[in-house]
């Protein structure tokens, strides 16, 4: 029983609860950013650079065993068992990461501005 009481004490500490809340909110924020990138940002970007659909921007390294290339969509290539490099999905992930990293930076920056600075010791 001492292990359970020790675990309860650990789990009820403020830092653990804060971490859990932060992880949950962060995961949901990531979903919002992914939707923003996939559904709002990438379609106009693809349109501006020649009507590219980033979801289906891929390079076929090896044709699938069931259906021969060329493939109209990435889903078709995957169903055929083709080996692909998914360039469009990678670019989309980089953009999502950039937005999340910038949002975290702005959050930390705002927190640092409102946090009181500790007094410096005079020597």
PDB file of N, CA and C in Angstrom:
ATOM      1  N   UNK A   1       0.803  -1.203   0.000  1.00  0.00           N
ATOM      2  CA  UNK A   1       0.000   0.000   0.000  1.00  0.00           C
ATOM      3  C   UNK A   1       0.846   1.268   0.000  1.00  0.00           C
ATOM      4  N   UNK A   2       2.077   1.241   0.532  1.00  0.00           N
ATOM      5  CA  UNK A   2       2.864   2.478   0.512  1.00  0.00           C
ATOM      6  C   UNK A   2       3.139   2.967  -0.911  1.00  0.00           C
ATOM      7  N   UNK A   3       3.247   2.070  -1.866  1.00  0.00           N
ATOM      8  CA  UNK A   3       3.489   2.476  -3.251  1.00  0.00           C
ATOM      9  C   UNK A   3       2.299   3.268  -3.782  1.00  0.00           C
ATOM     10  N   UNK A   4       1.101   2.824  -3.479  1.00  0.00           N
ATOM     11  CA  UNK A   4      -0.098   3.518  -3.951  1.00  0.00           C
ATOM     12  C   UNK A   4      -0.219   4.904  -3.327  1.00  0.00           C
ATOM     13  N   UNK A   5       0.070   5.018  -2.057  1.00  0.00           N
ATOM     14  CA  UNK A   5      -0.013   6.339  -1.424  1.00  0.00           C
ATOM     15  C   UNK A   5       1.069   7.262  -1.950  1.00  0.00           C
ATOM     16  N   UNK A   6       2.237   6.699  -2.223  1.00  0.00           N
ATOM     17  CA  UNK A   6       3.319   7.509  -2.804  1.00  0.00           C
ATOM     18  C   UNK A   6       2.940   7.973  -4.211  1.00  0.00           C
ATOM     19  N   UNK A   7       2.320   7.078  -4.998  1.00  0.00           N
ATOM     20  CA  UNK A   7       1.878   7.443  -6.339  1.00  0.00           C
ATOM     21  C   UNK A   7       0.803   8.522  -6.275  1.00  0.00           C
ATOM     22  N   UNK A   8      -0.136   8.390  -5.330  1.00  0.00           N
ATOM     23  CA  UNK A   8      -1.199   9.384  -5.176  1.00  0.00           C
ATOM     24  C   UNK A   8      -0.600  10.742  -4.845  1.00  0.00           C
ATOM     25  N   UNK A   9       0.376  10.774  -3.963  1.00  0.00           N
ATOM     26  CA  UNK A   9       1.034  12.033  -3.605  1.00  0.00           C
ATOM     27  C   UNK A   9       1.728  12.646  -4.825  1.00  0.00           C
ATOM     28  N   UNK A  10       2.398  11.791  -5.608  1.00  0.00           N
ATOM     29  CA  UNK A  10       3.078  12.257  -6.824  1.00  0.00           C
ATOM     30  C   UNK A  10       2.077  12.819  -7.835  1.00  0.00           C
ATOM     31  N   UNK A  11       0.991  12.084  -8.056  1.00  0.00           N
ATOM     32  CA  UNK A  11       0.007  12.478  -9.066  1.00  0.00           C
ATOM     33  C   UNK A  11      -0.743  13.743  -8.683  1.00  0.00           C
ATOM     34  N   UNK A  12      -0.876  14.008  -7.397  1.00  0.00           N
ATOM     35  CA  UNK A  12      -1.637  15.164  -6.958  1.00  0.00           C
ATOM     36  C   UNK A  12      -0.799  16.435  -6.841  1.00  0.00           C
ATOM     37  N   UNK A  13       0.498  16.324  -7.090  1.00  0.00           N
ATOM     38  CA  UNK A  13       1.328  17.522  -7.058  1.00  0.00           C
ATOM     39  C   UNK A  13       0.896  18.444  -8.193  1.00  0.00           C
ATOM     40  N   UNK A  14       1.019  19.728  -7.970  1.00  0.00           N
ATOM     41  CA  UNK A  14       0.591  20.719  -8.959  1.00  0.00           C
ATOM     42  C   UNK A  14       1.293  20.579 -10.288  1.00  0.00           C
ATOM     43  N   UNK A  15       2.576  20.280 -10.292  1.00  0.00           N
ATOM     44  CA  UNK A  15       3.322  20.205 -11.545  1.00  0.00           C
ATOM     45  C   UNK A  15       2.801  19.094 -12.444  1.00  0.00           C
ATOM     46  N   UNK A  16       2.446  17.958 -11.864  1.00  0.00           N
ATOM     47  CA  UNK A  16       1.948  16.841 -12.663  1.00  0.00           C
ATOM     48  C   UNK A  16       0.593  17.195 -13.273  1.00  0.00           C
ATOM     49  N   UNK A  17      -0.267  17.811 -12.495  1.00  0.00           N
ATOM     50  CA  UNK A  17      -1.574  18.195 -13.022  1.00  0.00           C
ATOM     51  C   UNK A  17      -1.429  19.268 -14.094  1.00  0.00           C
ATOM     52  N   UNK A  18      -0.547  20.227 -13.870  1.00  0.00           N
ATOM     53  CA  UNK A  18      -0.298  21.261 -14.876  1.00  0.00           C
ATOM     54  C   UNK A  18       0.220  20.648 -16.169  1.00  0.00           C
ATOM     55  N   UNK A  19       1.112  19.688 -16.042  1.00  0.00           N
ATOM     56  CA  UNK A  19       1.651  19.010 -17.219  1.00  0.00           C
ATOM     57  C   UNK A  19       0.557  18.268 -17.972  1.00  0.00           C
ATOM     58  N   UNK A  20      -0.311  17.579 -17.252  1.00  0.00           N
ATOM     59  CA  UNK A  20      -1.399  16.844 -17.896  1.00  0.00           C
ATOM     60  C   UNK A  20      -2.330  17.785 -18.647  1.00  0.00           C
ATOM     61  N   UNK A  21      -2.685  18.892 -18.014  1.00  0.00           N
ATOM     62  CA  UNK A  21      -3.561  19.867 -18.673  1.00  0.00           C
ATOM     63  C   UNK A  21      -2.864  20.442 -19.898  1.00  0.00           C
ATOM     64  N   UNK A  22      -1.581  20.759 -19.771  1.00  0.00           N
ATOM     65  CA  UNK A  22      -0.829  21.299 -20.902  1.00  0.00           C
ATOM     66  C   UNK A  22      -0.758  20.329 -22.071  1.00  0.00           C
ATOM     67  N   UNK A  23      -0.556  19.049 -21.779  1.00  0.00           N
ATOM     68  CA  UNK A  23      -0.498  18.048 -22.848  1.00  0.00           C
ATOM     69  C   UNK A  23      -1.836  17.921 -23.576  1.00  0.00           C
ATOM     70  N   UNK A  24      -2.912  17.916 -22.812  1.00  0.00           N
ATOM     71  CA  UNK A  24      -4.244  17.790 -23.422  1.00  0.00           C
ATOM     72  C   UNK A  24      -4.546  19.001 -24.297  1.00  0.00           C
ATOM     73  N   UNK A  25      -4.302  20.195 -23.762  1.00  0.00           N
ATOM     74  CA  UNK A  25      -4.562  21.408 -24.538  1.00  0.00           C
ATOM     75  C   UNK A  25      -3.639  21.468 -25.751  1.00  0.00           C
ATOM     76  N   UNK A  26      -2.378  21.077 -25.563  1.00  0.00           N
ATOM     77  CA  UNK A  26      -1.431  21.080 -26.676  1.00  0.00           C
ATOM     78  C   UNK A  26      -1.844  20.141 -27.801  1.00  0.00           C
ATOM     79  N   UNK A  27      -2.343  18.978 -27.437  1.00  0.00           N
ATOM     80  CA  UNK A  27      -2.794  18.022 -28.454  1.00  0.00           C
ATOM     81  C   UNK A  27      -3.970  18.586 -29.251  1.00  0.00           C
ATOM     82  N   UNK A  28      -4.897  19.199 -28.556  1.00  0.00           N
ATOM     83  CA  UNK A  28      -6.050  19.783 -29.239  1.00  0.00           C
ATOM     84  C   UNK A  28      -5.638  20.990 -30.080  1.00  0.00           C
ATOM     85  N   UNK A  29      -4.704  21.783 -29.577  1.00  0.00           N
ATOM     86  CA  UNK A  29      -4.198  22.917 -30.349  1.00  0.00           C
ATOM     87  C   UNK A  29      -3.536  22.427 -31.626  1.00  0.00           C
ATOM     88  N   UNK A  30      -2.815  21.312 -31.524  1.00  0.00           N
ATOM     89  CA  UNK A  30      -2.192  20.724 -32.709  1.00  0.00           C
ATOM     90  C   UNK A  30      -3.226  20.323 -33.759  1.00  0.00           C
ATOM     91  N   UNK A  31      -4.357  19.801 -33.324  1.00  0.00           N
ATOM     92  CA  UNK A  31      -5.421  19.436 -34.266  1.00  0.00           C
ATOM     93  C   UNK A  31      -5.974  20.677 -34.965  1.00  0.00           C
ATOM     94  N   UNK A  32      -6.133  21.764 -34.205  1.00  0.00           N
ATOM     95  CA  UNK A  32      -6.642  23.005 -34.788  1.00  0.00           C
ATOM     96  C   UNK A  32      -5.656  23.546 -35.815  1.00  0.00           C
ATOM     97  N   UNK A  33      -4.375  23.536 -35.474  1.00  0.00           N
ATOM     98  CA  UNK A  33      -3.358  24.039 -36.402  1.00  0.00           C
ATOM     99  C   UNK A  33      -3.297  23.159 -37.646  1.00  0.00           C
ATOM    100  N   UNK A  34      -3.376  21.843 -37.480  1.00  0.00           N
ATOM    101  CA  UNK A  34      -3.362  20.957 -38.649  1.00  0.00           C
ATOM    102  C   UNK A  34      -4.549  21.231 -39.562  1.00  0.00           C
ATOM    103  N   UNK A  35      -5.704  21.466 -38.992  1.00  0.00           N
ATOM    104  CA  UNK A  35      -6.871  21.809 -39.795  1.00  0.00           C
ATOM    105  C   UNK A  35      -6.670  23.146 -40.498  1.00  0.00           C
ATOM    106  N   UNK A  36      -6.117  24.116 -39.779  1.00  0.00           N
ATOM    107  CA  UNK A  36      -5.830  25.418 -40.384  1.00  0.00           C
ATOM    108  C   UNK A  36      -4.910  25.257 -41.589  1.00  0.00           C
ATOM    109  N   UNK A  37      -3.858  24.490 -41.425  1.00  0.00           N
ATOM    110  CA  UNK A  37      -2.900  24.306 -42.519  1.00  0.00           C
ATOM    111  C   UNK A  37      -3.531  23.518 -43.667  1.00  0.00           C
ATOM    112  N   UNK A  38      -4.136  22.370 -43.353  1.00  0.00           N
ATOM    113  CA  UNK A  38      -4.677  21.495 -44.407  1.00  0.00           C
ATOM    114  C   UNK A  38      -5.898  22.073 -45.115  1.00  0.00           C
ATOM    115  N   UNK A  39      -6.766  22.745 -44.360  1.00  0.00           N
ATOM    116  CA  UNK A  39      -8.054  23.151 -44.912  1.00  0.00           C
ATOM    117  C   UNK A  39      -8.137  24.618 -45.310  1.00  0.00           C
ATOM    118  N   UNK A  40      -7.247  25.460 -44.763  1.00  0.00           N
ATOM    119  CA  UNK A  40      -7.330  26.896 -45.034  1.00  0.00           C
ATOM    120  C   UNK A  40      -6.105  27.417 -45.775  1.00  0.00           C
ATOM    121  N   UNK A  41      -4.912  27.040 -45.335  1.00  0.00           N
ATOM    122  CA  UNK A  41      -3.692  27.612 -45.916  1.00  0.00           C
ATOM    123  C   UNK A  41      -3.258  26.896 -47.198  1.00  0.00           C
ATOM    124  N   UNK A  42      -3.179  25.574 -47.161  1.00  0.00           N
ATOM    125  CA  UNK A  42      -2.616  24.840 -48.293  1.00  0.00           C
ATOM    126  C   UNK A  42      -3.451  24.891 -49.577  1.00  0.00           C
ATOM    127  N   UNK A  43      -4.785  24.856 -49.523  1.00  0.00           N
ATOM    128  CA  UNK A  43      -5.524  24.939 -50.796  1.00  0.00           C
ATOM    129  C   UNK A  43      -5.231  26.216 -51.594  1.00  0.00           C
ATOM    130  N   UNK A  44      -5.249  27.423 -50.982  1.00  0.00           N
ATOM    131  CA  UNK A  44      -4.904  28.609 -51.778  1.00  0.00           C
ATOM    132  C   UNK A  44      -3.442  28.625 -52.225  1.00  0.00           C
ATOM    133  N   UNK A  45      -2.537  28.120 -51.370  1.00  0.00           N
ATOM    134  CA  UNK A  45      -1.123  28.064 -51.764  1.00  0.00           C
ATOM    135  C   UNK A  45      -0.967  27.154 -52.978  1.00  0.00           C
ATOM    136  N   UNK A  46      -1.602  26.000 -52.934  1.00  0.00           N
ATOM    137  CA  UNK A  46      -1.547  25.085 -54.071  1.00  0.00           C
ATOM    138  C   UNK A  46      -2.137  25.694 -55.328  1.00  0.00           C
ATOM    139  N   UNK A  47      -3.221  26.440 -55.179  1.00  0.00           N
ATOM    140  CA  UNK A  47      -3.851  27.108 -56.314  1.00  0.00           C
ATOM    141  C   UNK A  47      -2.928  28.165 -56.911  1.00  0.00           C
ATOM    142  N   UNK A  48      -2.263  28.924 -56.036  1.00  0.00           N
ATOM    143  CA  UNK A  48      -1.365  29.982 -56.500  1.00  0.00           C
ATOM    144  C   UNK A  48      -0.145  29.446 -57.234  1.00  0.00           C
ATOM    145  N   UNK A  49       0.317  28.260 -56.878  1.00  0.00           N
ATOM    146  CA  UNK A  49       1.519  27.731 -57.531  1.00  0.00           C
ATOM    147  C   UNK A  49       1.186  26.669 -58.583  1.00  0.00           C
ATOM    148  N   UNK A  50       0.033  26.805 -59.182  1.00  0.00           N
ATOM    149  CA  UNK A  50      -0.280  25.969 -60.334  1.00  0.00           C
ATOM    150  C   UNK A  50      -1.291  24.877 -60.095  1.00  0.00           C
ATOM    151  N   UNK A  51      -2.149  25.029 -59.123  1.00  0.00           N
ATOM    152  CA  UNK A  51      -3.199  24.045 -58.897  1.00  0.00           C
ATOM    153  C   UNK A  51      -2.718  22.748 -58.285  1.00  0.00           C
ATOM    154  N   UNK A  52      -1.666  22.816 -57.457  1.00  0.00           N
ATOM    155  CA  UNK A  52      -1.120  21.614 -56.826  1.00  0.00           C
ATOM    156  C   UNK A  52      -1.954  21.254 -55.606  1.00  0.00           C
ATOM    157  N   UNK A  53      -2.321  19.982 -55.510  1.00  0.00           N
ATOM    158  CA  UNK A  53      -2.978  19.460 -54.312  1.00  0.00           C
ATOM    159  C   UNK A  53      -1.898  18.799 -53.471  1.00  0.00           C
ATOM    160  N   UNK A  54      -1.528  19.430 -52.363  1.00  0.00           N
ATOM    161  CA  UNK A  54      -0.414  18.940 -51.559  1.00  0.00           C
ATOM    162  C   UNK A  54      -0.669  17.565 -50.968  1.00  0.00           C
ATOM    163  N   UNK A  55      -1.929  17.192 -50.790  1.00  0.00           N
ATOM    164  CA  UNK A  55      -2.231  15.858 -50.279  1.00  0.00           C
ATOM    165  C   UNK A  55      -1.795  14.788 -51.275  1.00  0.00           C
ATOM    166  N   UNK A  56      -1.772  15.136 -52.548  1.00  0.00           N
ATOM    167  CA  UNK A  56      -1.444  14.174 -53.592  1.00  0.00           C
ATOM    168  C   UNK A  56      -0.151  14.514 -54.310  1.00  0.00           C
ATOM    169  N   UNK A  57       0.732  15.235 -53.645  1.00  0.00           N
ATOM    170  CA  UNK A  57       2.042  15.544 -54.213  1.00  0.00           C
ATOM    171  C   UNK A  57       3.025  14.499 -53.688  1.00  0.00           C
ATOM    172  N   UNK A  58       3.367  13.539 -54.538  1.00  0.00           N
ATOM    173  CA  UNK A  58       4.235  12.448 -54.108  1.00  0.00           C
ATOM    174  C   UNK A  58       5.093  11.982 -55.285  1.00  0.00           C
ATOM    175  N   UNK A  59       6.158  11.282 -54.944  1.00  0.00           N
ATOM    176  CA  UNK A  59       7.061  10.703 -55.940  1.00  0.00           C
ATOM    177  C   UNK A  59       6.983   9.192 -55.788  1.00  0.00           C
ATOM    178  N   UNK A  60       6.737   8.494 -56.883  1.00  0.00           N
ATOM    179  CA  UNK A  60       6.657   7.040 -56.847  1.00  0.00           C
ATOM    180  C   UNK A  60       8.056   6.463 -57.019  1.00  0.00           C
ATOM    181  N   UNK A  61       8.513   5.744 -56.007  1.00  0.00           N
ATOM    182  CA  UNK A  61       9.814   5.092 -56.089  1.00  0.00           C
ATOM    183  C   UNK A  61       9.712   3.710 -56.721  1.00  0.00           C
ATOM    184  N   UNK A  62       8.628   3.020 -56.404  1.00  0.00           N
ATOM    185  CA  UNK A  62       8.420   1.675 -56.944  1.00  0.00           C
ATOM    186  C   UNK A  62       6.934   1.460 -57.142  1.00  0.00           C
ATOM    187  N   UNK A  63       6.576   0.968 -58.301  1.00  0.00           N
ATOM    188  CA  UNK A  63       5.164   0.708 -58.598  1.00  0.00           C
ATOM    189  C   UNK A  63       4.624  -0.379 -57.690  1.00  0.00           C
ATOM    190  N   UNK A  64       3.313  -0.321 -57.502  1.00  0.00           N
ATOM    191  CA  UNK A  64       2.646  -1.338 -56.699  1.00  0.00           C
ATOM    192  C   UNK A  64       2.524  -2.645 -57.447  1.00  0.00           C
ATOM    193  N   UNK A  65       2.300  -3.689 -56.698  1.00  0.00           N
ATOM    194  CA  UNK A  65       2.195  -5.024 -57.284  1.00  0.00           C
ATOM    195  C   UNK A  65       0.847  -5.251 -57.955  1.00  0.00           C
ATOM    196  N   UNK A  66      -0.182  -4.538 -57.500  1.00  0.00           N
ATOM    197  CA  UNK A  66      -1.521  -4.814 -58.023  1.00  0.00           C
ATOM    198  C   UNK A  66      -1.907  -3.902 -59.177  1.00  0.00           C
ATOM    199  N   UNK A  67      -1.504  -2.636 -59.131  1.00  0.00           N
ATOM    200  CA  UNK A  67      -1.866  -1.674 -60.180  1.00  0.00           C
ATOM    201  C   UNK A  67      -0.594  -0.946 -60.614  1.00  0.00           C
ATOM    202  N   UNK A  68      -0.435  -0.774 -61.919  1.00  0.00           N
ATOM    203  CA  UNK A  68       0.751  -0.086 -62.427  1.00  0.00           C
ATOM    204  C   UNK A  68       0.582   1.422 -62.352  1.00  0.00           C
ATOM    205  N   UNK A  69       1.712   2.129 -62.282  1.00  0.00           N
ATOM    206  CA  UNK A  69       1.709   3.607 -62.269  1.00  0.00           C
ATOM    207  C   UNK A  69       1.310   4.109 -63.643  1.00  0.00           C
ATOM    208  N   UNK A  70       0.907   5.323 -63.819  1.00  0.00           N
ATOM    209  CA  UNK A  70       0.859   6.414 -62.843  1.00  0.00           C
ATOM    210  C   UNK A  70      -0.404   6.337 -61.996  1.00  0.00           C
ATOM    211  N   UNK A  71      -0.313   6.958 -60.813  1.00  0.00           N
ATOM    212  CA  UNK A  71      -1.414   6.968 -59.864  1.00  0.00           C
ATOM    213  C   UNK A  71      -1.973   8.380 -59.770  1.00  0.00           C
ATOM    214  N   UNK A  72      -3.283   8.480 -59.781  1.00  0.00           N
ATOM    215  CA  UNK A  72      -3.937   9.793 -59.726  1.00  0.00           C
ATOM    216  C   UNK A  72      -3.819  10.422 -58.345  1.00  0.00           C
ATOM    217  N   UNK A  73      -3.879   9.598 -57.300  1.00  0.00           N
ATOM    218  CA  UNK A  73      -3.826  10.122 -55.935  1.00  0.00           C
ATOM    219  C   UNK A  73      -2.884   9.268 -55.095  1.00  0.00           C
ATOM    220  N   UNK A  74      -2.505   9.823 -53.967  1.00  0.00           N
ATOM    221  CA  UNK A  74      -1.661   9.078 -53.035  1.00  0.00           C
ATOM    222  C   UNK A  74      -2.396   7.853 -52.504  1.00  0.00           C
ATOM    223  N   UNK A  75      -3.680   7.998 -52.286  1.00  0.00           N
ATOM    224  CA  UNK A  75      -4.482   6.863 -51.799  1.00  0.00           C
ATOM    225  C   UNK A  75      -4.443   5.728 -52.821  1.00  0.00           C
ATOM    226  N   UNK A  76      -4.539   6.054 -54.106  1.00  0.00           N
ATOM    227  CA  UNK A  76      -4.461   5.022 -55.153  1.00  0.00           C
ATOM    228  C   UNK A  76      -3.107   4.322 -55.126  1.00  0.00           C
ATOM    229  N   UNK A  77      -2.050   5.101 -54.964  1.00  0.00           N
ATOM    230  CA  UNK A  77      -0.704   4.533 -54.914  1.00  0.00           C
ATOM    231  C   UNK A  77      -0.548   3.618 -53.704  1.00  0.00           C
ATOM    232  N   UNK A  78      -1.067   4.047 -52.567  1.00  0.00           N
ATOM    233  CA  UNK A  78      -0.973   3.227 -51.360  1.00  0.00           C
ATOM    234  C   UNK A  78      -1.792   1.953 -51.486  1.00  0.00           C
ATOM    235  N   UNK A  79      -2.975   2.052 -52.096  1.00  0.00           N
ATOM    236  CA  UNK A  79      -3.795   0.851 -52.304  1.00  0.00           C
ATOM    237  C   UNK A  79      -3.101  -0.146 -53.216  1.00  0.00           C
ATOM    238  N   UNK A  80      -2.345   0.366 -54.185  1.00  0.00           N
ATOM    239  CA  UNK A  80      -1.637  -0.506 -55.110  1.00  0.00           C
ATOM    240  C   UNK A  80      -0.381  -1.095 -54.483  1.00  0.00           C
ATOM    241  N   UNK A  81       0.016  -0.566 -53.329  1.00  0.00           N
ATOM    242  CA  UNK A  81       1.221  -1.067 -52.671  1.00  0.00           C
ATOM    243  C   UNK A  81       2.488  -0.405 -53.167  1.00  0.00           C
ATOM    244  N   UNK A  82       2.356   0.771 -53.796  1.00  0.00           N
ATOM    245  CA  UNK A  82       3.515   1.478 -54.311  1.00  0.00           C
ATOM    246  C   UNK A  82       4.331   2.073 -53.168  1.00  0.00           C
ATOM    247  N   UNK A  83       5.628   2.223 -53.417  1.00  0.00           N
ATOM    248  CA  UNK A  83       6.516   2.883 -52.471  1.00  0.00           C
ATOM    249  C   UNK A  83       6.628   4.336 -52.915  1.00  0.00           C
ATOM    250  N   UNK A  84       6.276   5.269 -52.031  1.00  0.00           N
ATOM    251  CA  UNK A  84       6.233   6.682 -52.403  1.00  0.00           C
ATOM    252  C   UNK A  84       6.981   7.546 -51.396  1.00  0.00           C
ATOM    253  N   UNK A  85       7.438   8.688 -51.880  1.00  0.00           N
ATOM    254  CA  UNK A  85       7.928   9.763 -51.019  1.00  0.00           C
ATOM    255  C   UNK A  85       6.823  10.807 -51.032  1.00  0.00           C
ATOM    256  N   UNK A  86       6.261  11.082 -49.869  1.00  0.00           N
ATOM    257  CA  UNK A  86       5.089  11.951 -49.754  1.00  0.00           C
ATOM    258  C   UNK A  86       5.520  13.395 -49.492  1.00  0.00           C
ATOM    259  N   UNK A  87       5.951  14.057 -50.543  1.00  0.00           N
ATOM    260  CA  UNK A  87       6.497  15.410 -50.457  1.00  0.00           C
ATOM    261  C   UNK A  87       5.454  16.387 -49.929  1.00  0.00           C
ATOM    262  N   UNK A  88       4.256  16.326 -50.430  1.00  0.00           N
ATOM    263  CA  UNK A  88       3.210  17.260 -50.027  1.00  0.00           C
ATOM    264  C   UNK A  88       2.858  17.147 -48.555  1.00  0.00           C
ATOM    265  N   UNK A  89       2.741  15.921 -48.058  1.00  0.00           N
ATOM    266  CA  UNK A  89       2.438  15.729 -46.638  1.00  0.00           C
ATOM    267  C   UNK A  89       3.576  16.244 -45.768  1.00  0.00           C
ATOM    268  N   UNK A  90       4.813  16.073 -46.236  1.00  0.00           N
ATOM    269  CA  UNK A  90       5.971  16.556 -45.493  1.00  0.00           C
ATOM    270  C   UNK A  90       5.973  18.084 -45.425  1.00  0.00           C
ATOM    271  N   UNK A  91       5.713  18.749 -46.547  1.00  0.00           N
ATOM    272  CA  UNK A  91       5.660  20.216 -46.569  1.00  0.00           C
ATOM    273  C   UNK A  91       4.554  20.713 -45.642  1.00  0.00           C
ATOM    274  N   UNK A  92       3.418  20.055 -45.673  1.00  0.00           N
ATOM    275  CA  UNK A  92       2.307  20.427 -44.804  1.00  0.00           C
ATOM    276  C   UNK A  92       2.696  20.279 -43.336  1.00  0.00           C
ATOM    277  N   UNK A  93       3.400  19.220 -42.994  1.00  0.00           N
ATOM    278  CA  UNK A  93       3.849  19.018 -41.615  1.00  0.00           C
ATOM    279  C   UNK A  93       4.837  20.093 -41.184  1.00  0.00           C
ATOM    280  N   UNK A  94       5.721  20.508 -42.082  1.00  0.00           N
ATOM    281  CA  UNK A  94       6.678  21.564 -41.758  1.00  0.00           C
ATOM    282  C   UNK A  94       5.946  22.872 -41.476  1.00  0.00           C
ATOM    283  N   UNK A  95       4.959  23.191 -42.283  1.00  0.00           N
ATOM    284  CA  UNK A  95       4.189  24.425 -42.068  1.00  0.00           C
ATOM    285  C   UNK A  95       3.433  24.353 -40.738  1.00  0.00           C
ATOM    286  N   UNK A  96       2.828  23.208 -40.432  1.00  0.00           N
ATOM    287  CA  UNK A  96       2.130  23.036 -39.150  1.00  0.00           C
ATOM    288  C   UNK A  96       3.096  23.221 -37.987  1.00  0.00           C
ATOM    289  N   UNK A  97       4.261  22.624 -38.082  1.00  0.00           N
ATOM    290  CA  UNK A  97       5.260  22.766 -37.028  1.00  0.00           C
ATOM    291  C   UNK A  97       5.655  24.227 -36.854  1.00  0.00           C
ATOM    292  N   UNK A  98       5.855  24.929 -37.950  1.00  0.00           N
ATOM    293  CA  UNK A  98       6.228  26.344 -37.872  1.00  0.00           C
ATOM    294  C   UNK A  98       5.179  27.176 -37.158  1.00  0.00           C
ATOM    295  N   UNK A  99       3.922  26.915 -37.453  1.00  0.00           N
ATOM    296  CA  UNK A  99       2.843  27.665 -36.799  1.00  0.00           C
ATOM    297  C   UNK A  99       2.789  27.340 -35.308  1.00  0.00           C
ATOM    298  N   UNK A 100       2.901  26.064 -34.964  1.00  0.00           N
ATOM    299  CA  UNK A 100       2.869  25.684 -33.553  1.00  0.00           C
ATOM    300  C   UNK A 100       4.078  26.249 -32.821  1.00  0.00           C
ATOM    301  N   UNK A 101       5.261  26.172 -33.418  1.00  0.00           N
ATOM    302  CA  UNK A 101       6.459  26.706 -32.777  1.00  0.00           C
ATOM    303  C   UNK A 101       6.332  28.215 -32.563  1.00  0.00           C
ATOM    304  N   UNK A 102       5.775  28.931 -33.540  1.00  0.00           N
ATOM    305  CA  UNK A 102       5.598  30.374 -33.388  1.00  0.00           C
ATOM    306  C   UNK A 102       4.582  30.680 -32.285  1.00  0.00           C
ATOM    307  N   UNK A 103       3.505  29.907 -32.225  1.00  0.00           N
ATOM    308  CA  UNK A 103       2.496  30.123 -31.178  1.00  0.00           C
ATOM    309  C   UNK A 103       3.088  29.875 -29.796  1.00  0.00           C
ATOM    310  N   UNK A 104       3.878  28.824 -29.652  1.00  0.00           N
ATOM    311  CA  UNK A 104       4.528  28.549 -28.364  1.00  0.00           C
ATOM    312  C   UNK A 104       5.501  29.666 -28.021  1.00  0.00           C
ATOM    313  N   UNK A 105       6.263  30.137 -28.999  1.00  0.00           N
ATOM    314  CA  UNK A 105       7.189  31.249 -28.777  1.00  0.00           C
ATOM    315  C   UNK A 105       6.437  32.484 -28.278  1.00  0.00           C
ATOM    316  N   UNK A 106       5.317  32.813 -28.924  1.00  0.00           N
ATOM    317  CA  UNK A 106       4.544  33.988 -28.514  1.00  0.00           C
ATOM    318  C   UNK A 106       3.973  33.802 -27.104  1.00  0.00           C
ATOM    319  N   UNK A 107       3.553  32.590 -26.775  1.00  0.00           N
ATOM    320  CA  UNK A 107       3.038  32.315 -25.443  1.00  0.00           C
ATOM    321  C   UNK A 107       4.127  32.490 -24.387  1.00  0.00           C
ATOM    322  N   UNK A 108       5.295  31.941 -24.626  1.00  0.00           N
ATOM    323  CA  UNK A 108       6.412  32.069 -23.689  1.00  0.00           C
ATOM    324  C   UNK A 108       6.835  33.527 -23.575  1.00  0.00           C
ATOM    325  N   UNK A 109       6.861  34.216 -24.696  1.00  0.00           N
ATOM    326  CA  UNK A 109       7.232  35.636 -24.696  1.00  0.00           C
ATOM    327  C   UNK A 109       6.251  36.456 -23.846  1.00  0.00           C
ATOM    328  N   UNK A 110       4.957  36.204 -24.021  1.00  0.00           N
ATOM    329  CA  UNK A 110       3.949  36.918 -23.231  1.00  0.00           C
ATOM    330  C   UNK A 110       4.075  36.571 -21.753  1.00  0.00           C
ATOM    331  N   UNK A 111       4.308  35.306 -21.448  1.00  0.00           N
ATOM    332  CA  UNK A 111       4.468  34.886 -20.065  1.00  0.00           C
ATOM    333  C   UNK A 111       5.679  35.556 -19.426  1.00  0.00           C
ATOM    334  N   UNK A 112       6.770  35.638 -20.163  1.00  0.00           N
ATOM    335  CA  UNK A 112       7.977  36.275 -19.635  1.00  0.00           C
ATOM    336  C   UNK A 112       7.771  37.764 -19.382  1.00  0.00           C
ATOM    337  N   UNK A 113       6.920  38.404 -20.153  1.00  0.00           N
ATOM    338  CA  UNK A 113       6.657  39.835 -19.949  1.00  0.00           C
ATOM    339  C   UNK A 113       5.830  40.093 -18.699  1.00  0.00           C
ATOM    340  N   UNK A 114       4.896  39.199 -18.389  1.00  0.00           N
ATOM    341  CA  UNK A 114       4.038  39.436 -17.228  1.00  0.00           C
ATOM    342  C   UNK A 114       4.613  38.852 -15.944  1.00  0.00           C
ATOM    343  N   UNK A 115       5.584  37.968 -16.062  1.00  0.00           N
ATOM    344  CA  UNK A 115       6.187  37.358 -14.884  1.00  0.00           C
ATOM    345  C   UNK A 115       7.098  38.369 -14.206  1.00  0.00           C
ATOM    346  N   UNK A 116       6.969  38.524 -12.917  1.00  0.00           N
ATOM    347  CA  UNK A 116       7.845  39.473 -12.232  1.00  0.00           C
ATOM    348  C   UNK A 116       9.289  38.971 -12.244  1.00  0.00           C
ATOM    349  N   UNK A 117      10.201  39.880 -12.442  1.00  0.00           N
ATOM    350  CA  UNK A 117      11.606  39.512 -12.447  1.00  0.00           C
ATOM    351  C   UNK A 117      12.115  39.466 -11.008  1.00  0.00           C
ATOM    352  N   UNK A 118      12.854  38.444 -10.661  1.00  0.00           N
ATOM    353  CA  UNK A 118      13.367  38.343  -9.305  1.00  0.00           C
ATOM    354  C   UNK A 118      14.404  39.444  -9.056  1.00  0.00           C
ATOM    355  N   UNK A 119      14.440  39.964  -7.844  1.00  0.00           N
ATOM    356  CA  UNK A 119      15.431  41.006  -7.548  1.00  0.00           C
ATOM    357  C   UNK A 119      16.841  40.434  -7.628  1.00  0.00           C
ATOM    358  N   UNK A 120      17.744  41.224  -8.139  1.00  0.00           N
ATOM    359  CA  UNK A 120      19.128  40.782  -8.247  1.00  0.00           C
ATOM    360  C   UNK A 120      19.853  41.097  -6.945  1.00  0.00           C
ATOM    361  N   UNK A 121      20.728  40.212  -6.576  1.00  0.00           N
ATOM    362  CA  UNK A 121      21.492  40.404  -5.342  1.00  0.00           C
ATOM    363  C   UNK A 121      22.624  41.382  -5.591  1.00  0.00           C
ATOM    364  N   UNK A 122      22.804  42.318  -4.691  1.00  0.00           N
ATOM    365  CA  UNK A 122      23.885  43.286  -4.802  1.00  0.00           C
ATOM    366  C   UNK A 122      25.090  42.742  -4.058  1.00  0.00           C
ATOM    367  N   UNK A 123      26.210  42.844  -4.720  1.00  0.00           N
ATOM    368  CA  UNK A 123      27.439  42.317  -4.129  1.00  0.00           C
ATOM    369  C   UNK A 123      28.290  43.430  -3.580  1.00  0.00           C
TER     370      UNK A 123
END
